[in-house]
Amino acid sequence: MLEISNLHVIFNKGTVNEKHALKGVDLKLEEGDFVTVIGGNGAGKSTLLNSIAGTFPVESGSIVLDGVELTKMPDYKRAKYVSRVFQDPLIGTAGNMSIEENLALAARRGKRRTLRWYTNNEERAKFKELLAEFDLGLEDRMMQKVGTLSGGQRQAITLLMASLASPKLLLLDEHTAALDPKTAKKVLALTEKIAKDNNLTVLMITHNMSDAIKYGNKLIMMNEGKIAFSCEGEEKVDLTIPFLMEKFEKTVGEALGGDKLLLG
């Protein structure tokens, strides 16, 4: 589904502030893979996601998604294939629009706009059914403005919006970091369910090692712009936090306590 080959990203090239953020990253994902990404600050995690989404231009290498070359494609054209949920719950929704209007926009992601009504009874019923699965009471508040909701409720809606148009790839950039532990747990459970129900291919950055182990079928650890460690299948199932702590310390060369990686 996703093939990244020898990907390099350089910021401020040729200046005293030059930063080689990604150094020859290679990554292959099959359809339906759920990959958790961990690493210290400045390891290249967000740069990798931004490169895939088209936010950051790449110096060299290639990004191919389901046979489509994305490397030089503008980000607005990639919207047809790639969806994203950010850390800030306010980014993924339009606060002055209703829940229904936000979902209607998301359902038309990558499609041509027309002058027809933005939704119909059949589509509205589908939205209610999907919202009911969240168990947040949102299905009875379809006309409420999203800006009046809590951060957790907005993030849950953003997650649903990101998956409505069945993207080829879902990027999650620490999407529960700004939420309280209880809400974060609920949003992660919804993430897993949505990914499984829609057979989505997912890349999820997290600073929580416990979540990195619990969710997904693959795990990668990044350091200094490279993938320093990866595992999948039974090897990932058998992972423990102490093992990852030890691996992190050996890879990064410093104790975990000096970083912001959380232990759950």
Protein backbone atom coordinates (compact mmCIF):
# COMPACT_ATOMS: atom_id res chain seq x y z
CA MET A 1 0.00 0.00 0.00
CA LEU A 2 2.78 2.44 0.95
CA GLU A 3 6.37 2.29 -0.25
CA ILE A 4 8.88 4.92 0.87
CA SER A 5 12.33 4.60 -0.68
CA ASN A 6 15.55 6.40 0.37
CA LEU A 7 13.65 9.47 1.57
CA HIS A 8 15.71 12.56 2.45
CA VAL A 9 14.36 15.84 3.83
CA ILE A 10 16.66 18.84 4.42
CA PHE A 11 15.55 22.12 5.98
CA ASN A 12 17.35 25.43 5.30
CA LYS A 13 19.76 23.77 2.90
CA GLY A 14 23.02 25.60 2.33
CA THR A 15 22.64 27.82 5.41
CA VAL A 16 24.14 27.70 8.91
CA ASN A 17 20.74 26.39 10.08
CA GLU A 18 20.75 23.40 7.72
CA LYS A 19 19.01 20.40 9.24
CA HIS A 20 19.02 16.94 7.66
CA ALA A 21 15.69 15.78 9.13
CA LEU A 22 15.23 12.49 7.25
CA LYS A 23 18.26 10.47 6.15
CA GLY A 24 17.38 7.77 3.65
CA VAL A 25 14.19 6.40 5.23
CA ASP A 26 12.86 3.15 3.73
CA LEU A 27 9.42 1.90 4.76
CA LYS A 28 6.92 -0.54 3.28
CA LEU A 29 3.36 -1.02 4.54
CA GLU A 30 0.80 -3.56 3.40
CA GLU A 31 -2.90 -2.74 3.13
CA GLY A 32 -4.48 -2.75 6.58
CA ASP A 33 -1.20 -2.33 8.48
CA PHE A 34 -1.45 -0.27 11.68
CA VAL A 35 2.02 1.08 12.50
CA THR A 36 2.92 2.92 15.71
CA VAL A 37 5.87 5.30 15.53
CA ILE A 38 7.98 6.24 18.57
CA GLY A 39 11.20 8.17 19.09
CA GLY A 40 12.71 11.11 20.91
CA ASN A 41 12.18 14.78 20.15
CA GLY A 42 13.65 15.67 16.76
CA ALA A 43 13.87 12.02 15.70
CA GLY A 44 11.99 12.71 12.44
CA LYS A 45 8.56 11.30 13.29
CA SER A 46 6.45 14.33 12.38
CA THR A 47 8.73 15.16 9.45
CA LEU A 48 7.98 11.71 8.04
CA LEU A 49 4.23 12.27 8.31
CA ASN A 50 4.48 15.79 6.90
CA SER A 51 6.47 14.48 3.93
CA ILE A 52 3.85 11.83 3.19
CA ALA A 53 1.05 14.39 3.51
CA GLY A 54 2.88 16.82 1.21
CA THR A 55 3.37 19.56 3.81
CA PHE A 56 7.16 19.32 3.58
CA PRO A 57 8.96 18.95 0.23
CA VAL A 58 11.48 16.11 -0.03
CA GLU A 59 15.07 16.49 -1.14
CA SER A 60 15.24 13.06 -2.77
CA GLY A 61 13.66 9.63 -2.65
CA SER A 62 10.13 8.52 -3.47
CA ILE A 63 6.72 8.06 -1.85
CA VAL A 64 4.34 5.68 -3.64
CA LEU A 65 0.85 4.99 -2.28
CA ASP A 66 -1.13 2.13 -3.84
CA GLY A 67 0.79 2.56 -7.09
CA VAL A 68 0.36 6.36 -7.19
CA GLU A 69 3.52 8.49 -7.10
CA LEU A 70 3.04 11.16 -4.41
CA THR A 71 6.59 12.49 -4.13
CA LYS A 72 6.05 15.74 -6.06
CA MET A 73 2.25 15.87 -5.84
CA PRO A 74 0.80 18.99 -4.10
CA ASP A 75 -0.77 18.37 -0.71
CA TYR A 76 -4.29 19.36 -1.86
CA LYS A 77 -4.17 16.64 -4.53
CA ARG A 78 -3.00 14.08 -1.98
CA ALA A 79 -6.18 14.73 0.04
CA LYS A 80 -7.90 12.17 -2.17
CA TYR A 81 -5.58 9.47 -0.87
CA VAL A 82 -4.30 10.63 2.52
CA SER A 83 -6.24 11.73 5.63
CA ARG A 84 -4.72 13.17 8.76
CA VAL A 85 -5.59 13.83 12.40
CA PHE A 86 -3.47 16.35 14.29
CA GLN A 87 -2.57 16.68 17.96
CA ASP A 88 -4.68 19.83 18.35
CA PRO A 89 -8.42 18.92 18.41
CA LEU A 90 -9.27 22.38 17.00
CA ILE A 91 -7.42 21.85 13.71
CA GLY A 92 -9.46 19.05 12.15
CA THR A 93 -12.92 20.63 12.29
CA ALA A 94 -14.67 23.88 11.33
CA GLY A 95 -15.87 25.29 14.65
CA ASN A 96 -18.54 27.59 13.19
CA MET A 97 -20.20 24.74 11.29
CA SER A 98 -22.47 22.04 12.69
CA ILE A 99 -21.47 18.42 13.25
CA GLU A 100 -23.59 17.43 10.25
CA GLU A 101 -22.00 20.06 7.99
CA ASN A 102 -18.49 18.98 9.01
CA LEU A 103 -19.26 15.34 8.26
CA ALA A 104 -20.87 16.24 4.92
CA LEU A 105 -17.71 18.09 3.86
CA ALA A 106 -15.53 15.16 4.90
CA ALA A 107 -17.69 12.68 2.99
CA ARG A 108 -16.95 14.61 -0.21
CA ARG A 109 -13.20 14.69 0.32
CA GLY A 110 -11.40 14.42 -3.03
CA LYS A 111 -14.65 14.67 -5.01
CA ARG A 112 -15.98 17.44 -7.26
CA ARG A 113 -18.28 19.92 -5.54
CA THR A 114 -21.77 20.53 -6.94
CA LEU A 115 -24.69 22.88 -6.22
CA ARG A 116 -26.84 20.10 -4.79
CA TRP A 117 -27.90 20.13 -1.13
CA TYR A 118 -24.99 19.27 1.13
CA THR A 119 -26.71 16.19 2.58
CA ASN A 120 -29.87 14.06 2.37
CA ASN A 121 -31.92 11.88 4.71
CA GLU A 122 -30.01 8.71 3.84
CA GLU A 123 -26.65 10.31 4.46
CA ARG A 124 -27.91 11.97 7.65
CA ALA A 125 -29.05 8.58 8.97
CA LYS A 126 -25.61 7.14 8.22
CA PHE A 127 -23.91 9.96 10.13
CA LYS A 128 -26.15 9.35 13.14
CA GLU A 129 -25.41 5.65 13.08
CA LEU A 130 -21.66 6.25 13.00
CA LEU A 131 -21.80 8.89 15.76
CA ALA A 132 -23.87 6.58 17.98
CA GLU A 133 -20.95 4.14 18.05
CA PHE A 134 -18.90 6.79 19.86
CA ASP A 135 -21.26 6.66 22.84
CA LEU A 136 -20.84 10.40 23.35
CA GLY A 137 -24.44 11.45 22.63
CA LEU A 138 -23.36 13.30 19.49
CA GLU A 139 -25.92 11.57 17.27
CA ASP A 140 -28.64 13.67 18.93
CA ARG A 141 -26.75 16.94 18.49
CA MET A 142 -26.15 16.91 14.74
CA MET A 143 -26.99 20.60 14.27
CA GLN A 144 -24.83 21.80 17.17
CA LYS A 145 -21.79 23.86 16.24
CA VAL A 146 -18.58 21.90 16.62
CA GLY A 147 -16.91 24.86 18.35
CA THR A 148 -19.11 24.31 21.42
CA LEU A 149 -17.92 20.71 21.95
CA SER A 150 -15.15 19.47 24.23
CA GLY A 151 -11.70 18.64 22.88
CA GLY A 152 -12.33 14.91 23.11
CA GLN A 153 -15.65 15.20 21.27
CA ARG A 154 -14.05 17.28 18.52
CA GLN A 155 -11.19 14.81 18.15
CA ALA A 156 -13.66 11.92 17.88
CA ILE A 157 -15.49 13.79 15.10
CA THR A 158 -12.17 14.58 13.38
CA LEU A 159 -11.30 10.90 13.48
CA LEU A 160 -14.62 9.99 11.89
CA MET A 161 -14.20 12.73 9.26
CA ALA A 162 -10.73 11.45 8.38
CA SER A 163 -12.08 7.97 7.65
CA LEU A 164 -15.42 8.79 5.96
CA ALA A 165 -14.08 8.93 2.41
CA SER A 166 -12.09 5.67 2.84
CA PRO A 167 -8.57 7.10 2.42
CA LYS A 168 -5.70 4.89 1.31
CA LEU A 169 -3.68 6.05 4.31
CA LEU A 170 -4.58 7.57 7.69
CA LEU A 171 -1.90 9.64 9.46
CA LEU A 172 -2.26 10.22 13.21
CA ASP A 173 0.16 12.76 14.65
CA GLU A 174 -0.07 12.28 18.45
CA HIS A 175 -3.83 12.71 18.11
CA THR A 176 -4.54 11.93 21.78
CA ALA A 177 -1.69 13.94 23.36
CA ALA A 178 -3.89 16.95 24.17
CA LEU A 179 -6.65 14.87 25.77
CA ASP A 180 -7.11 13.75 29.36
CA PRO A 181 -6.22 10.06 29.99
CA LYS A 182 -9.83 8.82 30.08
CA THR A 183 -10.79 10.59 26.85
CA ALA A 184 -7.52 9.58 25.19
CA LYS A 185 -8.24 5.94 25.97
CA LYS A 186 -11.69 6.22 24.41
CA VAL A 187 -10.39 7.95 21.27
CA LEU A 188 -7.68 5.28 20.86
CA ALA A 189 -10.29 2.53 21.12
CA LEU A 190 -12.35 4.33 18.46
CA THR A 191 -9.22 4.66 16.32
CA GLU A 192 -8.61 0.92 16.47
CA LYS A 193 -12.25 0.14 15.66
CA ILE A 194 -12.46 2.56 12.72
CA ALA A 195 -9.17 1.28 11.29
CA LYS A 196 -10.31 -2.33 11.56
CA ASP A 197 -13.85 -1.77 10.26
CA ASN A 198 -12.58 0.13 7.20
CA ASN A 199 -9.36 -1.89 6.70
CA LEU A 200 -7.40 1.35 6.82
CA THR A 201 -3.63 1.55 6.58
CA VAL A 202 -2.49 3.67 9.55
CA LEU A 203 0.67 5.45 10.71
CA MET A 204 0.30 6.66 14.32
CA ILE A 205 2.91 8.72 16.16
CA THR A 206 2.74 8.37 19.93
CA HIS A 207 4.91 9.34 22.90
CA ASN A 208 3.21 6.69 25.01
CA MET A 209 5.15 3.41 24.91
CA SER A 210 2.26 1.48 26.41
CA ASP A 211 0.00 2.60 23.55
CA ALA A 212 2.74 1.92 21.00
CA ILE A 213 2.88 -1.69 22.18
CA LYS A 214 -0.88 -2.20 22.61
CA TYR A 215 -2.10 -0.84 19.28
CA GLY A 216 -1.25 -1.90 15.76
CA ASN A 217 0.60 -4.83 14.22
CA LYS A 218 3.91 -3.04 13.58
CA LEU A 219 6.15 -0.67 15.53
CA ILE A 220 9.04 1.51 14.38
CA MET A 221 11.45 3.57 16.46
CA MET A 222 13.04 6.60 14.82
CA ASN A 223 16.27 8.36 15.78
CA GLU A 224 18.19 11.14 14.02
CA GLY A 225 16.11 10.92 10.86
CA LYS A 226 16.36 7.15 10.45
CA ILE A 227 14.38 4.07 11.40
CA ALA A 228 16.56 2.64 14.16
CA PHE A 229 14.39 -0.33 15.15
CA SER A 230 11.27 -2.06 13.84
CA CYS A 231 9.23 -5.13 14.71
CA GLU A 232 5.92 -6.72 13.78
CA GLY A 233 3.69 -9.74 14.33
CA GLU A 234 4.57 -12.01 17.25
CA GLU A 235 7.71 -10.04 17.98
CA LYS A 236 5.59 -6.95 18.63
CA VAL A 237 3.06 -8.89 20.68
CA ASP A 238 5.88 -9.99 23.00
CA LEU A 239 7.26 -6.46 23.44
CA THR A 240 7.51 -4.99 26.94
CA ILE A 241 8.07 -1.45 28.15
CA PRO A 242 11.39 -2.35 29.86
CA PHE A 243 12.68 -3.84 26.58
CA LEU A 244 11.71 -0.70 24.65
CA MET A 245 13.27 1.51 27.32
CA GLU A 246 16.52 -0.42 27.01
CA LYS A 247 16.33 -0.31 23.21
CA PHE A 248 15.71 3.43 23.30
CA GLU A 249 18.66 4.08 25.60
CA LYS A 250 20.99 2.02 23.41
CA THR A 251 19.71 3.67 20.22
CA VAL A 252 19.62 7.27 21.38
CA GLY A 253 22.54 6.99 23.75
CA GLU A 254 20.79 8.61 26.70
CA ALA A 255 18.47 7.63 29.50
CA LEU A 256 14.75 7.67 28.85
CA GLY A 257 14.10 9.96 31.79
CA GLY A 258 15.58 12.89 29.89
CA ASP A 259 13.03 12.56 27.10
CA LYS A 260 9.27 13.09 26.97
CA LEU A 261 8.41 9.49 26.15
CA LEU A 262 5.64 8.47 28.53
CA LEU A 263 5.23 5.07 30.11
CA GLY A 264 1.44 5.03 30.21
